[in-house]
Structure formats: C-alpha cells, structure tokens
Amino acid sequence: MSKKPRTGFEELARESRHYPQEALLKVRKEEKSLFIGIPHEISYQEKRVALTPGGVEVLVANGHNVWVETGAGRYSKFSDTQYSEAGARIVYSHEEVFEADIIVKIEPPTLEEIELLKPGKTVISALQMGNMSREYIHGLTQKKATCLAFEFIEDKVGGMPAVRAMSEIAGICAIRIASEYLGTEKNGMGVILGGISGVPPTKVVIIGAGTVAEFAARAALGLGAEIKIFDNHIYKLRRLKHNLGTQLYTSSLDLNNLRDALKTADVVIGAKRVEKGRSRFLVSEEMVSQMKDGAVIIDVSIDQGGGFETSDITSHDQPVYEKFGVIHYCVPNIASMVPKSATTALNNIFAPILLQMGEIGGVEEMIYCNKWFARGVYTYRGSLCNMQIGRKLDMEYKDIELILAARI
C-alpha cells in the first residue's frame, strides 16, 4: 500500500519544528496518606501551633491522619474538642505524638524531643540560626531525620511565605511594643509614639527595608511618627517607598548618617535579616551609648544573632533590660504575642503544602519535584545539607541538589 502523500501544511510544520514531537511523560506517583503529628510546644513561651482545626479538617477530609497533642492549641484559643471534631486524634503524651511520620511544629525540636523522634522521620519547624549548635545537628543526623526549616521554604515565585507572614506580624507588634515602653509606666521617657498638634513627632529609625520594616513603618506613619529607614539594597528602599505610597527618609547604611540618626531617635527597630548565614553587628556599643536616655531598641533579628552589639536574648516574662540608659527589647518570638493570628497565618502556609505533599506521593517526592520546597531542607537522611549551617558550625555538608541528582 502506497503512503499517503504529505500535504504542504504538514511539510511546512515539520520543517518549522511545529510538528508534534514525542516526549517522555513524567509518571505521577499515587497519592499517599500522610501521618502528621502536631505537638504541644514545650519551648519557653511559645504559644503558637502549626495548624488550626480548620486546617486539620481539610487534611483529614483528604485522607490524612492527624494526631494533635492535648493542649497544643490552648494559647491560640483552639480547644482539644475543636481539633477532635475536625477529625484529629487527641493524644495525651509528647512521646505518643512523636510516633508520627511528619512532625509539624513551630520552635526547633529540643534535644529531648530529638530523642523522641523515630529514625528516618521528617520534621518541619523553624530554625533559629542564632541558637544553632553542633549537638543539635548531630542529634538530627544520628536519627537520619529529614528536617525542613519553614523560614527557608520558598513559594513558586521565590518568596518566603512563612518569613513574610511572621514579619508582617512582627513589624506591627514592634510599634505596639515601642509605644508601650516609651510610656512612664514602663520607665520610658514619657512620650507618645506618633505626633499630635503642636508636639514634635516621635523619631523612629528602622534598620532594614524588608517586610518587618514595611509593616512597622506603615503602623508608625499611621500614628504620625517621623521615619528614617536604612538599608544597603537600594531596590528594597525604592520598593518600600512605592508600597507605602509616600515619600520618607531612606538611606544606605552609611555609618555616619546612621550614627547621627541614632543620636536623636526615640525608637530604633533592628529589622535586617542575616544574609548568607553570617551575622555582623550593624550598631556598635559606642553608637548605642550615644543614644538618648529612655530611647527604645527593638531587635527583631535577635533570633538570627541580632543587629546590635548590646543585644542579648530576652523572654516575654522579662522582655527588656537597660544598657547605657537605652531600653532593649530582644524577644525572639515576637509573633507569639498574638498566637491566634500567627497560627492562622502559618496554617495558611502549612496546610496547602501538606495537601500537595500527599497528592504528589509524600515527603521524598515533594523534595525531589519542587526546588522551592527542597530549599527548606537542612538535614536529609542523616546528612547536613545546608551551606549556611555548615559554615557557621564548621561542619561538613552536602549540597541537597547533588544528593537529589544521585537519585536519578
């Protein structure tokens, strides 16, 4: 039988490379039911929880098994009954909830919690670089745990959703805290944060031009304060002015300009994230010593080591101390002041990720198929795979992309 001659359109399509080509289609893994554990946080004054009852209900409806330790949602105003009615199983010991395959929590697991972790399991939590230790990493690698820091997990467009959500809250709370400690009830200088008719406005200096800075500036401007923002990234300063929709003082981190601004500041907010895992003080002890008596420093970046040479970690019980007459507020988990709002924000990030993880076939497939998710991995099956941690602690590490490439 003779072949049917090709039409002119077929010839044109083949020559111009528009003719359909054969290609390998990636075989989709079967959906996998996840076993998720939500512990009650035992870290000092951590009041948030990873999932709301609404998030649990969605996960259970999609076939996943969720265990919630009793009291986990207490401070976020979510009761055991609400979680139970959403389909979760309430467990009554820390040991029991750690039997889950995937532990989702807020604070990094303590050394005691690492001991409870079953070998080869997965932990999704925060990772506080300022408190990182070799002992902590060794504990996780000996358990051959796969651990992800939710502040490193990106979205599909390169943003960091968990960092942004908590930074929005921290920025707003920073202004609320500053207002409180400027008052005489907290031994402050006795001024109102903002400005009123006939009274000069309060002066607020913000170091960093990211999300914390944006929301702190938005709140302070709304009160009538005078704002100065410092950052070395000009594009961030430009974006911040655009987002706020107003002209305000911005500057690169010129130390002379910063020193002059600090001398007259009523409030200073340290909101600059550590870059490339290295922390250096932006504000020296000498610069702090030249600030006004009763001025307030709020070091939002204290969980990464802090941006002030005079910063030391504090707690919600004893949030402040004075040095050179300057009030220092250095609580690392500011968002825990408003746990229900913070929990809801985190749930909006975790629940969709867990749903996608189940659809794609589990944690391994999620890491393998999504680079934005894989960027959160810092230990993988017993290997440290985060360059920042490796350099900070002087430990050997493996590139996660090379580990995943070996799987092919």
Protein backbone atom coordinates (compact mmCIF):
# COMPACT_ATOMS: atom_id res chain seq x y z
CA MET A 1 0.00 0.00 0.00
CA SER A 2 1.47 3.34 -1.02
CA LYS A 3 1.92 6.05 1.60
CA LYS A 4 -0.45 8.95 1.57
CA PRO A 5 1.45 11.98 0.30
CA ARG A 6 2.03 14.74 2.87
CA THR A 7 0.18 17.98 2.45
CA GLY A 8 2.02 21.26 2.11
CA PHE A 9 0.94 22.21 5.62
CA GLU A 10 2.48 19.03 7.06
CA GLU A 11 5.77 19.66 5.28
CA LEU A 12 5.81 23.27 6.48
CA ALA A 13 5.06 22.24 10.05
CA ARG A 14 7.80 19.60 10.09
CA GLU A 15 10.38 21.98 8.61
CA SER A 16 9.49 24.78 11.06
CA ARG A 17 9.63 22.43 14.07
CA HIS A 18 5.94 22.84 14.86
CA TYR A 19 5.23 19.20 14.13
CA PRO A 20 4.24 17.28 17.31
CA GLN A 21 7.28 15.62 18.86
CA GLU A 22 7.47 12.52 21.05
CA ALA A 23 8.44 13.20 24.68
CA LEU A 24 8.65 11.25 27.90
CA LEU A 25 5.75 11.99 30.24
CA LYS A 26 6.56 12.01 33.94
CA VAL A 27 4.65 9.26 35.66
CA ARG A 28 2.65 10.66 38.53
CA LYS A 29 3.05 8.89 41.83
CA GLU A 30 -0.04 7.65 43.59
CA GLU A 31 -1.44 9.85 46.31
CA LYS A 32 -0.16 8.99 49.75
CA SER A 33 -1.89 9.24 53.10
CA LEU A 34 0.28 11.25 55.49
CA PHE A 35 0.66 10.61 59.22
CA ILE A 36 1.08 14.07 60.76
CA GLY A 37 1.83 14.92 64.40
CA ILE A 38 1.21 18.33 65.95
CA PRO A 39 2.98 18.55 69.34
CA HIS A 40 2.27 20.88 72.21
CA GLU A 41 5.18 23.34 72.15
CA ILE A 42 7.48 22.95 75.15
CA SER A 43 9.93 25.71 74.22
CA TYR A 44 9.80 28.61 76.64
CA GLN A 45 6.80 30.86 75.98
CA GLU A 46 5.99 29.54 72.51
CA LYS A 47 2.22 29.92 72.21
CA ARG A 48 1.66 29.23 68.52
CA VAL A 49 0.63 25.92 66.96
CA ALA A 50 1.23 24.74 63.41
CA LEU A 51 -2.35 24.02 62.27
CA THR A 52 -5.80 25.35 63.10
CA PRO A 53 -8.80 22.99 63.47
CA GLY A 54 -9.90 24.19 60.04
CA GLY A 55 -6.58 23.13 58.52
CA VAL A 56 -6.81 19.75 60.24
CA GLU A 57 -10.34 19.26 58.91
CA VAL A 58 -9.19 19.81 55.32
CA LEU A 59 -6.28 17.37 55.74
CA VAL A 60 -8.46 14.67 57.32
CA ALA A 61 -11.09 15.10 54.59
CA ASN A 62 -8.34 14.34 52.07
CA GLY A 63 -7.46 11.06 53.75
CA HIS A 64 -4.61 12.11 56.03
CA ASN A 65 -4.13 11.02 59.63
CA VAL A 66 -3.52 13.88 62.08
CA TRP A 67 -2.60 13.48 65.74
CA VAL A 68 -2.71 16.55 67.98
CA GLU A 69 -1.20 16.54 71.45
CA THR A 70 -3.61 17.69 74.12
CA GLY A 71 -3.34 21.41 74.86
CA ALA A 72 -1.41 22.18 71.65
CA GLY A 73 -3.83 24.94 70.66
CA ARG A 74 -4.57 26.23 74.15
CA TYR A 75 -2.82 29.60 73.89
CA SER A 76 -4.11 30.15 70.35
CA LYS A 77 -7.64 29.65 71.73
CA PHE A 78 -8.22 26.34 69.91
CA SER A 79 -9.53 23.58 72.18
CA ASP A 80 -8.95 19.84 72.03
CA THR A 81 -12.66 19.50 71.28
CA GLN A 82 -12.33 21.68 68.19
CA TYR A 83 -9.45 19.58 66.89
CA SER A 84 -11.27 16.35 67.70
CA GLU A 85 -14.41 17.49 65.90
CA ALA A 86 -12.22 18.40 62.92
CA GLY A 87 -11.13 14.76 62.72
CA ALA A 88 -7.84 14.78 64.63
CA ARG A 89 -6.94 12.17 67.18
CA ILE A 90 -6.05 13.77 70.51
CA VAL A 91 -3.04 12.13 72.17
CA TYR A 92 -2.04 12.70 75.75
CA SER A 93 1.75 12.50 75.79
CA HIS A 94 4.68 14.05 73.99
CA GLU A 95 6.11 10.58 73.32
CA GLU A 96 2.96 9.45 71.55
CA VAL A 97 2.65 12.38 69.16
CA PHE A 98 6.28 11.87 68.11
CA GLU A 99 5.35 8.49 66.64
CA ALA A 100 4.03 10.36 63.58
CA ASP A 101 5.91 10.24 60.28
CA ILE A 102 5.84 14.02 59.87
CA ILE A 103 6.16 16.32 62.87
CA VAL A 104 5.00 19.88 62.18
CA LYS A 105 5.83 22.36 64.92
CA ILE A 106 6.86 25.96 65.47
CA GLU A 107 10.05 26.01 67.52
CA PRO A 108 13.02 23.82 66.51
CA PRO A 109 12.85 20.46 68.31
CA THR A 110 14.73 20.46 71.60
CA LEU A 111 17.41 17.88 72.31
CA GLU A 112 14.85 15.99 74.41
CA GLU A 113 12.39 16.00 71.50
CA ILE A 114 15.08 14.79 69.11
CA GLU A 115 15.48 11.76 71.38
CA LEU A 116 11.75 11.04 70.96
CA LEU A 117 11.96 11.28 67.17
CA LYS A 118 11.69 7.97 65.35
CA PRO A 119 14.57 7.18 62.95
CA GLY A 120 14.05 8.35 59.37
CA LYS A 121 11.11 10.63 60.14
CA THR A 122 10.50 14.22 58.99
CA VAL A 123 10.38 17.45 60.99
CA ILE A 124 9.08 20.78 59.70
CA SER A 125 9.78 23.64 62.11
CA ALA A 126 11.57 26.94 62.48
CA LEU A 127 15.36 27.03 62.56
CA GLN A 128 16.87 29.69 64.80
CA MET A 129 20.35 30.30 63.42
CA GLY A 130 21.31 32.36 66.45
CA ASN A 131 20.79 29.34 68.75
CA MET A 132 22.20 26.67 66.42
CA SER A 133 24.68 24.14 67.85
CA ARG A 134 26.70 21.17 66.63
CA GLU A 135 25.00 18.98 69.24
CA TYR A 136 21.60 19.82 67.75
CA ILE A 137 22.67 18.92 64.21
CA HIS A 138 24.41 15.72 65.36
CA GLY A 139 21.22 14.66 67.14
CA LEU A 140 19.19 15.02 63.94
CA THR A 141 21.73 13.35 61.67
CA GLN A 142 22.10 10.39 64.03
CA LYS A 143 18.33 9.91 63.78
CA LYS A 144 18.69 10.09 59.96
CA ALA A 145 15.93 12.67 60.07
CA THR A 146 14.84 14.80 57.14
CA CYS A 147 14.36 18.29 58.57
CA LEU A 148 13.00 21.40 56.92
CA ALA A 149 13.13 24.98 58.18
CA PHE A 150 9.88 26.64 57.24
CA GLU A 151 11.58 30.05 57.02
CA PHE A 152 13.76 28.68 54.17
CA ILE A 153 10.85 27.19 52.20
CA GLU A 154 10.04 29.34 49.20
CA ASP A 155 6.93 29.72 47.12
CA LYS A 156 6.85 29.23 43.37
CA VAL A 157 7.90 32.80 42.67
CA GLY A 158 10.88 32.82 45.05
CA GLY A 159 9.23 34.46 48.06
CA MET A 160 9.43 33.11 51.59
CA PRO A 161 5.79 32.92 52.73
CA ALA A 162 6.39 31.92 56.36
CA VAL A 163 9.01 34.61 56.85
CA ARG A 164 6.75 37.22 55.29
CA ALA A 165 3.73 36.25 57.38
CA MET A 166 5.65 36.36 60.67
CA SER A 167 7.48 39.51 59.60
CA GLU A 168 4.20 41.32 58.93
CA ILE A 169 3.08 40.47 62.46
CA ALA A 170 6.47 41.36 63.99
CA GLY A 171 6.53 44.74 62.24
CA ILE A 172 3.11 45.74 63.56
CA CYS A 173 3.87 44.38 67.05
CA ALA A 174 7.21 46.24 67.18
CA ILE A 175 5.43 49.58 67.02
CA ARG A 176 2.94 48.47 69.66
CA ILE A 177 5.84 47.40 71.92
CA ALA A 178 7.73 50.64 71.33
CA SER A 179 4.65 52.67 72.22
CA GLU A 180 4.31 50.76 75.49
CA TYR A 181 7.94 51.22 76.56
CA LEU A 182 8.03 54.92 75.72
CA GLY A 183 5.47 55.49 78.47
CA THR A 184 6.44 56.20 82.07
CA GLU A 185 4.61 53.07 83.29
CA LYS A 186 7.50 51.09 81.79
CA ASN A 187 10.14 53.60 82.90
CA GLY A 188 10.24 55.16 79.45
CA MET A 189 10.80 58.82 78.60
CA GLY A 190 7.08 59.60 78.81
CA VAL A 191 6.30 60.42 75.20
CA ILE A 192 3.55 59.25 72.88
CA LEU A 193 4.60 57.30 69.79
CA GLY A 194 3.43 59.39 66.87
CA GLY A 195 2.58 63.04 66.64
CA ILE A 196 -0.14 65.40 67.81
CA SER A 197 -0.81 69.06 67.08
CA GLY A 198 1.88 71.34 68.48
CA VAL A 199 4.12 68.50 69.69
CA PRO A 200 7.12 67.31 67.64
CA PRO A 201 6.61 63.75 66.28
CA THR A 202 8.45 60.78 67.70
CA LYS A 203 11.53 59.79 65.68
CA VAL A 204 11.68 56.15 64.59
CA VAL A 205 14.76 54.64 62.92
CA ILE A 206 14.32 51.31 61.12
CA ILE A 207 17.38 49.32 60.06
CA GLY A 208 16.44 47.07 57.14
CA ALA A 209 13.90 47.56 54.37
CA GLY A 210 12.15 44.20 54.23
CA THR A 211 8.70 43.12 55.34
CA VAL A 212 9.22 43.90 59.05
CA ALA A 213 10.31 47.41 58.09
CA GLU A 214 7.36 47.89 55.75
CA PHE A 215 4.72 46.98 58.32
CA ALA A 216 6.48 48.76 61.17
CA ALA A 217 6.75 51.90 59.02
CA ARG A 218 3.12 51.60 57.95
CA ALA A 219 1.98 51.43 61.59
CA ALA A 220 4.30 54.24 62.74
CA LEU A 221 3.32 56.53 59.87
CA GLY A 222 -0.32 55.95 60.70
CA LEU A 223 0.39 57.31 64.18
CA GLY A 224 2.21 60.35 62.80
CA ALA A 225 5.81 59.38 63.63
CA GLU A 226 8.85 60.63 61.72
CA ILE A 227 10.51 57.66 59.98
CA LYS A 228 14.07 57.05 58.78
CA ILE A 229 14.90 53.75 57.07
CA PHE A 230 18.39 52.38 56.37
CA ASP A 231 19.35 49.52 54.05
CA ASN A 232 22.16 48.80 51.62
CA HIS A 233 19.81 47.46 48.94
CA ILE A 234 18.55 50.47 47.02
CA TYR A 235 15.90 48.40 45.24
CA LYS A 236 14.41 47.49 48.64
CA LEU A 237 14.28 51.13 49.70
CA ARG A 238 12.64 52.05 46.40
CA ARG A 239 10.12 49.21 46.70
CA LEU A 240 9.32 50.19 50.28
CA LYS A 241 8.56 53.78 49.30
CA HIS A 242 6.36 52.50 46.48
CA ASN A 243 4.47 50.09 48.77
CA LEU A 244 3.91 52.76 51.41
CA GLY A 245 2.83 55.28 48.79
CA THR A 246 4.62 58.18 50.45
CA GLN A 247 7.92 60.00 50.48
CA LEU A 248 10.06 59.28 53.53
CA TYR A 249 13.70 59.46 54.54
CA THR A 250 15.71 56.50 53.22
CA SER A 251 19.45 55.97 53.24
CA SER A 252 22.08 53.37 52.51
CA LEU A 253 23.84 52.01 55.59
CA ASP A 254 26.28 54.88 55.76
CA LEU A 255 27.61 54.70 59.33
CA ASN A 256 27.90 58.47 59.72
CA ASN A 257 24.28 59.01 58.68
CA LEU A 258 23.14 56.11 60.84
CA ARG A 259 25.09 57.38 63.85
CA ASP A 260 23.54 60.83 63.54
CA ALA A 261 20.03 59.36 63.21
CA LEU A 262 20.50 57.16 66.28
CA LYS A 263 21.53 60.12 68.46
CA THR A 264 18.12 61.75 68.07
CA ALA A 265 15.97 58.60 67.74
CA ASP A 266 13.25 57.74 70.21
CA VAL A 267 12.77 54.22 68.80
CA VAL A 268 15.18 52.03 66.83
CA ILE A 269 13.94 48.82 65.20
CA GLY A 270 16.52 46.27 64.02
CA ALA A 271 14.81 44.50 61.13
CA LYS A 272 17.61 43.44 58.82
CA ARG A 273 17.80 39.74 58.02
CA VAL A 274 21.14 37.93 58.13
CA GLU A 275 22.48 37.30 54.64
CA LYS A 276 24.49 34.24 53.62
CA GLY A 277 24.33 32.87 57.14
CA ARG A 278 26.75 35.43 58.53
CA SER A 279 25.79 37.81 61.30
CA ARG A 280 27.56 41.08 61.99
CA PHE A 281 26.57 43.90 64.25
CA LEU A 282 25.32 46.93 62.37
CA VAL A 283 25.12 49.08 65.51
CA SER A 284 28.15 49.12 67.80
CA GLU A 285 28.18 49.56 71.56
CA GLU A 286 29.65 53.01 71.09
CA MET A 287 26.71 54.05 68.86
CA VAL A 288 24.20 52.79 71.43
CA SER A 289 26.00 54.69 74.20
CA GLN A 290 25.38 57.95 72.31
CA MET A 291 21.60 57.45 72.10
CA LYS A 292 19.10 59.35 74.26
CA ASP A 293 18.24 58.12 77.74
CA GLY A 294 14.94 56.26 77.64
CA ALA A 295 15.15 55.50 73.92
CA VAL A 296 13.86 52.05 72.93
CA ILE A 297 15.68 49.43 70.83
CA ILE A 298 13.61 46.53 69.46
CA ASP A 299 15.89 43.91 67.91
CA VAL A 300 13.57 41.84 65.73
CA SER A 301 16.55 39.99 64.23
CA ILE A 302 17.70 38.65 67.62
CA ASP A 303 16.76 35.08 66.64
CA GLN A 304 19.48 35.29 63.97
CA GLY A 305 22.10 36.73 66.29
CA GLY A 306 20.89 40.31 66.49
CA GLY A 307 21.92 43.54 64.83
CA PHE A 308 23.14 45.46 67.90
CA GLU A 309 26.34 44.77 69.79
CA THR A 310 24.42 45.37 73.03
CA SER A 311 21.65 42.85 72.24
CA ASP A 312 21.03 39.79 74.43
CA ILE A 313 18.08 37.42 74.06
CA THR A 314 15.19 38.14 76.44
CA SER A 315 11.81 36.49 77.08
CA HIS A 316 8.17 37.55 77.32
CA ASP A 317 8.44 37.28 81.13
CA GLN A 318 11.43 39.64 81.25
CA PRO A 319 11.40 41.27 77.82
CA VAL A 320 13.63 44.27 78.45
CA TYR A 321 16.82 45.45 80.08
CA GLU A 322 18.70 48.75 80.07
CA LYS A 323 22.18 49.45 78.83
CA PHE A 324 23.60 52.97 78.58
CA GLY A 325 20.15 54.16 79.63
CA VAL A 326 18.60 52.65 76.49
CA ILE A 327 15.75 50.14 76.84
CA HIS A 328 16.46 46.93 74.88
CA TYR A 329 13.63 44.58 73.82
CA CYS A 330 15.16 41.38 72.38
CA VAL A 331 12.44 38.70 72.43
CA PRO A 332 12.98 36.26 69.53
CA ASN A 333 9.38 35.10 69.04
CA ILE A 334 7.51 38.41 68.87
CA ALA A 335 4.71 36.84 66.80
CA SER A 336 3.90 34.64 69.79
CA MET A 337 2.38 37.72 71.43
CA VAL A 338 -0.63 37.24 69.13
CA PRO A 339 -0.69 33.44 68.82
CA LYS A 340 -4.11 33.07 67.23
CA SER A 341 -3.30 35.44 64.38
CA ALA A 342 0.14 33.88 63.94
CA THR A 343 -1.24 30.33 63.99
CA THR A 344 -3.85 31.19 61.37
CA ALA A 345 -1.16 32.73 59.15
CA LEU A 346 1.08 29.66 59.47
CA ASN A 347 -1.83 27.29 58.88
CA ASN A 348 -2.46 29.06 55.57
CA ILE A 349 1.07 28.04 54.55
CA PHE A 350 1.40 24.56 56.07
CA ALA A 351 -1.98 23.09 55.14
CA PRO A 352 -1.62 23.61 51.35
CA ILE A 353 1.96 22.28 51.44
CA LEU A 354 0.87 19.13 53.28
CA LEU A 355 -2.03 18.62 50.88
CA GLN A 356 0.31 18.89 47.90
CA MET A 357 2.76 16.55 49.62
CA GLY A 358 0.05 13.91 49.88
CA GLU A 359 -1.04 14.38 46.28
CA ILE A 360 2.49 14.08 44.93
CA GLY A 361 3.37 10.94 46.91
CA GLY A 362 4.98 12.00 50.21
CA VAL A 363 7.91 14.00 51.56
CA GLU A 364 10.55 12.40 49.32
CA GLU A 365 8.62 13.16 46.15
CA MET A 366 7.83 16.67 47.34
CA ILE A 367 11.53 17.42 47.86
CA TYR A 368 12.50 15.78 44.58
CA CYS A 369 9.89 17.53 42.43
CA ASN A 370 9.85 21.03 43.92
CA LYS A 371 13.02 23.07 44.26
CA TRP A 372 11.16 25.77 46.18
CA PHE A 373 10.31 23.18 48.84
CA ALA A 374 13.73 21.49 48.75
CA ARG A 375 15.36 24.80 49.72
CA GLY A 376 13.92 24.31 53.20
CA VAL A 377 15.81 21.05 53.77
CA TYR A 378 18.78 21.33 56.13
CA THR A 379 19.27 17.65 57.05
CA TYR A 380 18.41 14.81 54.72
CA ARG A 381 18.60 11.15 55.76
CA GLY A 382 21.45 11.71 58.14
CA SER A 383 23.39 14.34 56.17
CA LEU A 384 23.68 18.06 56.83
CA CYS A 385 22.83 19.76 53.56
CA ASN A 386 22.72 23.46 54.36
CA MET A 387 25.75 25.57 53.49
CA GLN A 388 24.93 28.35 55.97
CA ILE A 389 24.78 25.95 58.91
CA GLY A 390 27.87 24.08 57.73
CA ARG A 391 29.94 27.24 57.60
CA LYS A 392 28.56 28.65 60.84
CA LEU A 393 29.30 25.48 62.82
CA ASP A 394 32.35 24.40 60.82
CA MET A 395 30.71 21.10 59.86
CA GLU A 396 30.80 19.07 56.67
CA TYR A 397 27.72 19.39 54.50
CA LYS A 398 26.42 18.04 51.21
CA ASP A 399 24.63 20.05 48.56
CA ILE A 400 20.97 18.97 48.54
CA GLU A 401 20.86 19.27 44.75
CA LEU A 402 23.75 16.79 44.42
CA ILE A 403 22.01 14.41 46.83
CA LEU A 404 18.84 14.58 44.77
CA ALA A 405 20.75 14.23 41.50
CA ALA A 406 22.22 10.96 42.75
CA ARG A 407 18.71 9.59 42.95
CA ILE A 408 18.18 9.85 39.19
